[in-house]
Amino acid sequence: MTMSPRLRKFALTAHVASSVGWLGAVAASLVLAVAGLTGEDVQVVRAAYLGMNSIGEDALVPLALTSLLTGLVQSLGTEWGLFRHYWVLIKLLINVFAAFVLLLYMQTLGYLAGLAADPSADLGALRNPSPVLHASAAMLLLVVATALSVYKPRGVTPYGWRKQHEERKRRALQRNKQAEQRTESQP
């Protein structure tokens, strides 16, 4: 099913907005993760971990899931298809993987935020490189997905090739049938 141009533009806008928002929220998390890892001030370190958890719950998770959903709508409602082009398939895998890891990692962020909220907790337990590593990896994955969207490298999957071939055959048969009808209708 192909979407109408108006609906396609709306879905594309929602996808781009949620994807850019996700990238921005990851960038903010990376800044806070570095501050939490390297900060000297106890209050800054504690605030960084509390902030990362808030960003995770209120921005990262909703934006990641919205990006995934709107990406599926875009691919299923346009000629790009979900399994026709390698770049679309790779973006889907990146998005699913990143969203899955994020959902799992939210438990760790919640644990670290709980430690940060406890004034008696040792600051050494909070100095964890894991948030920096996860945010850096997420940033890399999302930039790769963005580059794939911009450059749209060539490469059709076997399924996509088969669909293209079927469509070409269908069009050729339709042209032949129209030509026969014109020939028959001529005196």
Protein backbone atom coordinates (compact mmCIF):
# COMPACT_ATOMS: atom_id res chain seq x y z
CA MET A 1 0.00 0.00 0.00
CA THR A 2 1.38 3.38 -1.01
CA MET A 3 0.48 6.41 1.09
CA SER A 4 -0.94 9.58 -0.37
CA PRO A 5 1.63 12.38 -0.78
CA ARG A 6 0.16 14.35 2.13
CA LEU A 7 0.21 11.36 4.49
CA ARG A 8 3.71 10.38 3.32
CA LYS A 9 5.02 13.88 4.10
CA PHE A 10 3.37 13.82 7.52
CA ALA A 11 4.87 10.41 8.32
CA LEU A 12 8.28 11.51 7.03
CA THR A 13 8.16 14.64 9.18
CA ALA A 14 7.28 12.59 12.25
CA HIS A 15 10.10 10.14 11.48
CA VAL A 16 12.73 12.82 10.93
CA ALA A 17 11.64 14.78 14.02
CA SER A 18 11.71 11.74 16.29
CA SER A 19 15.02 10.51 14.87
CA VAL A 20 16.69 13.90 15.24
CA GLY A 21 15.24 14.20 18.73
CA TRP A 22 16.64 10.78 19.62
CA LEU A 23 20.07 11.81 18.34
CA GLY A 24 19.90 15.04 20.37
CA ALA A 25 18.84 13.22 23.53
CA VAL A 26 21.74 10.79 23.08
CA ALA A 27 24.12 13.76 22.70
CA ALA A 28 22.76 15.28 25.93
CA SER A 29 23.16 11.92 27.68
CA LEU A 30 26.74 11.66 26.47
CA VAL A 31 27.54 15.10 27.88
CA LEU A 32 26.03 14.15 31.23
CA ALA A 33 27.78 10.75 31.20
CA VAL A 34 31.17 12.44 30.71
CA ALA A 35 30.34 14.93 33.49
CA GLY A 36 29.33 12.05 35.76
CA LEU A 37 32.53 10.15 35.03
CA THR A 38 35.01 13.01 35.24
CA GLY A 39 33.30 15.59 37.48
CA GLU A 40 35.04 16.70 40.66
CA ASP A 41 32.02 18.20 42.38
CA VAL A 42 29.88 15.61 44.16
CA GLN A 43 26.65 17.49 43.39
CA VAL A 44 27.51 17.69 39.66
CA VAL A 45 28.21 13.95 39.52
CA ARG A 46 24.98 13.09 41.33
CA ALA A 47 22.97 15.51 39.17
CA ALA A 48 24.49 14.03 36.00
CA TYR A 49 23.28 10.51 36.81
CA LEU A 50 19.84 11.77 37.87
CA GLY A 51 19.65 13.79 34.64
CA MET A 52 20.66 10.81 32.49
CA ASN A 53 17.87 8.75 34.01
CA SER A 54 15.32 11.51 33.39
CA ILE A 55 16.46 11.95 29.80
CA GLY A 56 16.30 8.18 29.33
CA GLU A 57 12.77 7.82 30.65
CA ASP A 58 11.28 11.03 29.28
CA ALA A 59 13.11 11.47 25.96
CA LEU A 60 15.27 8.54 24.83
CA VAL A 61 12.74 5.74 25.17
CA PRO A 62 9.75 7.60 23.67
CA LEU A 63 11.82 9.02 20.81
CA ALA A 64 13.47 5.67 20.04
CA LEU A 65 10.12 3.88 19.90
CA THR A 66 8.54 6.68 17.86
CA SER A 67 11.46 6.60 15.43
CA LEU A 68 11.08 2.85 15.05
CA LEU A 69 7.32 3.03 14.53
CA THR A 70 7.42 5.94 12.07
CA GLY A 71 10.28 4.28 10.18
CA LEU A 72 8.16 1.16 9.76
CA VAL A 73 5.24 3.26 8.55
CA GLN A 74 7.51 5.05 6.07
CA SER A 75 9.01 1.89 4.68
CA LEU A 76 5.74 -0.01 4.41
CA GLY A 77 3.85 2.94 2.93
CA THR A 78 6.34 3.98 0.23
CA GLU A 79 8.07 2.40 -2.73
CA TRP A 80 11.21 1.90 -0.64
CA GLY A 81 9.64 -1.06 1.15
CA LEU A 82 10.96 -2.69 4.28
CA PHE A 83 12.97 -5.50 2.70
CA ARG A 84 13.67 -4.17 -0.80
CA HIS A 85 16.82 -2.12 -0.20
CA TYR A 86 19.78 -2.98 1.96
CA TRP A 87 20.05 0.53 3.39
CA VAL A 88 16.45 0.40 4.68
CA LEU A 89 17.03 -3.05 6.15
CA ILE A 90 20.26 -1.94 7.84
CA LYS A 91 18.51 1.12 9.29
CA LEU A 92 15.76 -1.12 10.64
CA LEU A 93 18.30 -3.44 12.27
CA ILE A 94 20.19 -0.49 13.77
CA ASN A 95 16.99 1.00 15.13
CA VAL A 96 15.70 -2.26 16.59
CA PHE A 97 19.09 -3.08 18.13
CA ALA A 98 19.58 0.41 19.61
CA ALA A 99 16.04 0.54 21.01
CA PHE A 100 16.40 -2.95 22.50
CA VAL A 101 19.73 -2.12 24.18
CA LEU A 102 18.28 1.17 25.43
CA LEU A 103 15.30 -0.57 27.01
CA LEU A 104 17.61 -3.04 28.74
CA TYR A 105 20.05 -0.31 29.78
CA MET A 106 17.32 1.75 31.44
CA GLN A 107 17.55 -0.65 34.40
CA THR A 108 21.22 0.24 34.84
CA LEU A 109 20.48 3.96 34.56
CA GLY A 110 17.72 3.58 37.14
CA TYR A 111 20.13 1.81 39.48
CA LEU A 112 22.79 4.51 39.03
CA ALA A 113 20.19 7.25 39.56
CA GLY A 114 19.12 5.51 42.76
CA LEU A 115 22.73 5.56 43.96
CA ALA A 116 23.05 9.21 43.01
CA ALA A 117 19.91 10.10 44.96
CA ASP A 118 21.29 8.45 48.10
CA PRO A 119 23.47 11.01 49.92
CA SER A 120 25.24 8.25 51.84
CA ALA A 121 26.26 6.37 48.66
CA ASP A 122 29.95 6.28 47.77
CA LEU A 123 30.81 8.52 44.83
CA GLY A 124 33.24 5.87 43.55
CA ALA A 125 30.31 3.53 42.87
CA LEU A 126 28.81 6.18 40.59
CA ARG A 127 31.95 6.69 38.52
CA ASN A 128 31.02 4.15 35.94
CA PRO A 129 32.28 4.32 32.33
CA SER A 130 29.28 2.31 31.12
CA PRO A 131 27.03 5.34 30.39
CA VAL A 132 29.80 6.99 28.34
CA LEU A 133 30.35 3.80 26.34
CA HIS A 134 26.64 3.21 25.75
CA ALA A 135 25.93 6.82 24.76
CA SER A 136 28.97 6.86 22.44
CA ALA A 137 27.90 3.63 20.75
CA ALA A 138 24.35 4.93 20.40
CA MET A 139 25.65 8.16 18.87
CA LEU A 140 27.72 6.19 16.36
CA LEU A 141 24.80 3.94 15.40
CA LEU A 142 22.41 6.86 14.97
CA VAL A 143 24.89 8.83 12.86
CA VAL A 144 25.34 5.75 10.62
CA ALA A 145 21.55 5.45 10.29
CA THR A 146 21.36 9.15 9.43
CA ALA A 147 24.07 8.79 6.80
CA LEU A 148 22.23 5.84 5.27
CA SER A 149 19.08 7.97 5.04
CA VAL A 150 20.94 10.81 3.34
CA TYR A 151 23.09 8.82 0.91
CA LYS A 152 20.70 5.90 0.24
CA PRO A 153 23.42 3.64 -1.13
CA ARG A 154 22.45 1.40 -4.00
CA GLY A 155 21.85 -2.23 -3.40
CA VAL A 156 18.66 -4.19 -3.73
CA THR A 157 18.00 -7.27 -1.66
CA PRO A 158 17.05 -10.52 -3.43
CA TYR A 159 13.45 -9.85 -2.40
CA GLY A 160 13.70 -6.30 -3.79
CA TRP A 161 15.19 -7.57 -7.04
CA ARG A 162 12.37 -10.09 -7.41
CA LYS A 163 9.76 -7.38 -6.76
CA GLN A 164 11.39 -5.05 -9.31
CA HIS A 165 11.49 -7.85 -11.86
CA GLU A 166 7.81 -8.68 -11.27
CA GLU A 167 6.86 -5.01 -11.61
CA ARG A 168 8.78 -4.68 -14.90
CA LYS A 169 7.06 -7.80 -16.23
CA ARG A 170 3.67 -6.48 -15.19
CA ARG A 171 4.30 -3.13 -16.92
CA ALA A 172 5.55 -4.83 -20.09
CA LEU A 173 2.44 -7.03 -20.23
CA GLN A 174 0.25 -4.00 -19.66
CA ARG A 175 1.98 -2.09 -22.49
CA ASN A 176 1.62 -5.09 -24.82
CA LYS A 177 -2.05 -5.41 -23.98
CA GLN A 178 -2.63 -1.71 -24.63
CA ALA A 179 -0.77 -1.96 -27.96
CA GLU A 180 -2.93 -4.96 -28.97
CA GLN A 181 -6.09 -3.06 -28.08
CA ARG A 182 -4.99 -0.09 -30.19
CA THR A 183 -4.18 -2.39 -33.12
CA GLU A 184 -7.54 -4.17 -32.88
CA SER A 185 -9.48 -0.92 -32.70
CA GLN A 186 -7.87 0.47 -35.87
CA PRO A 187 -9.85 -0.15 -39.12
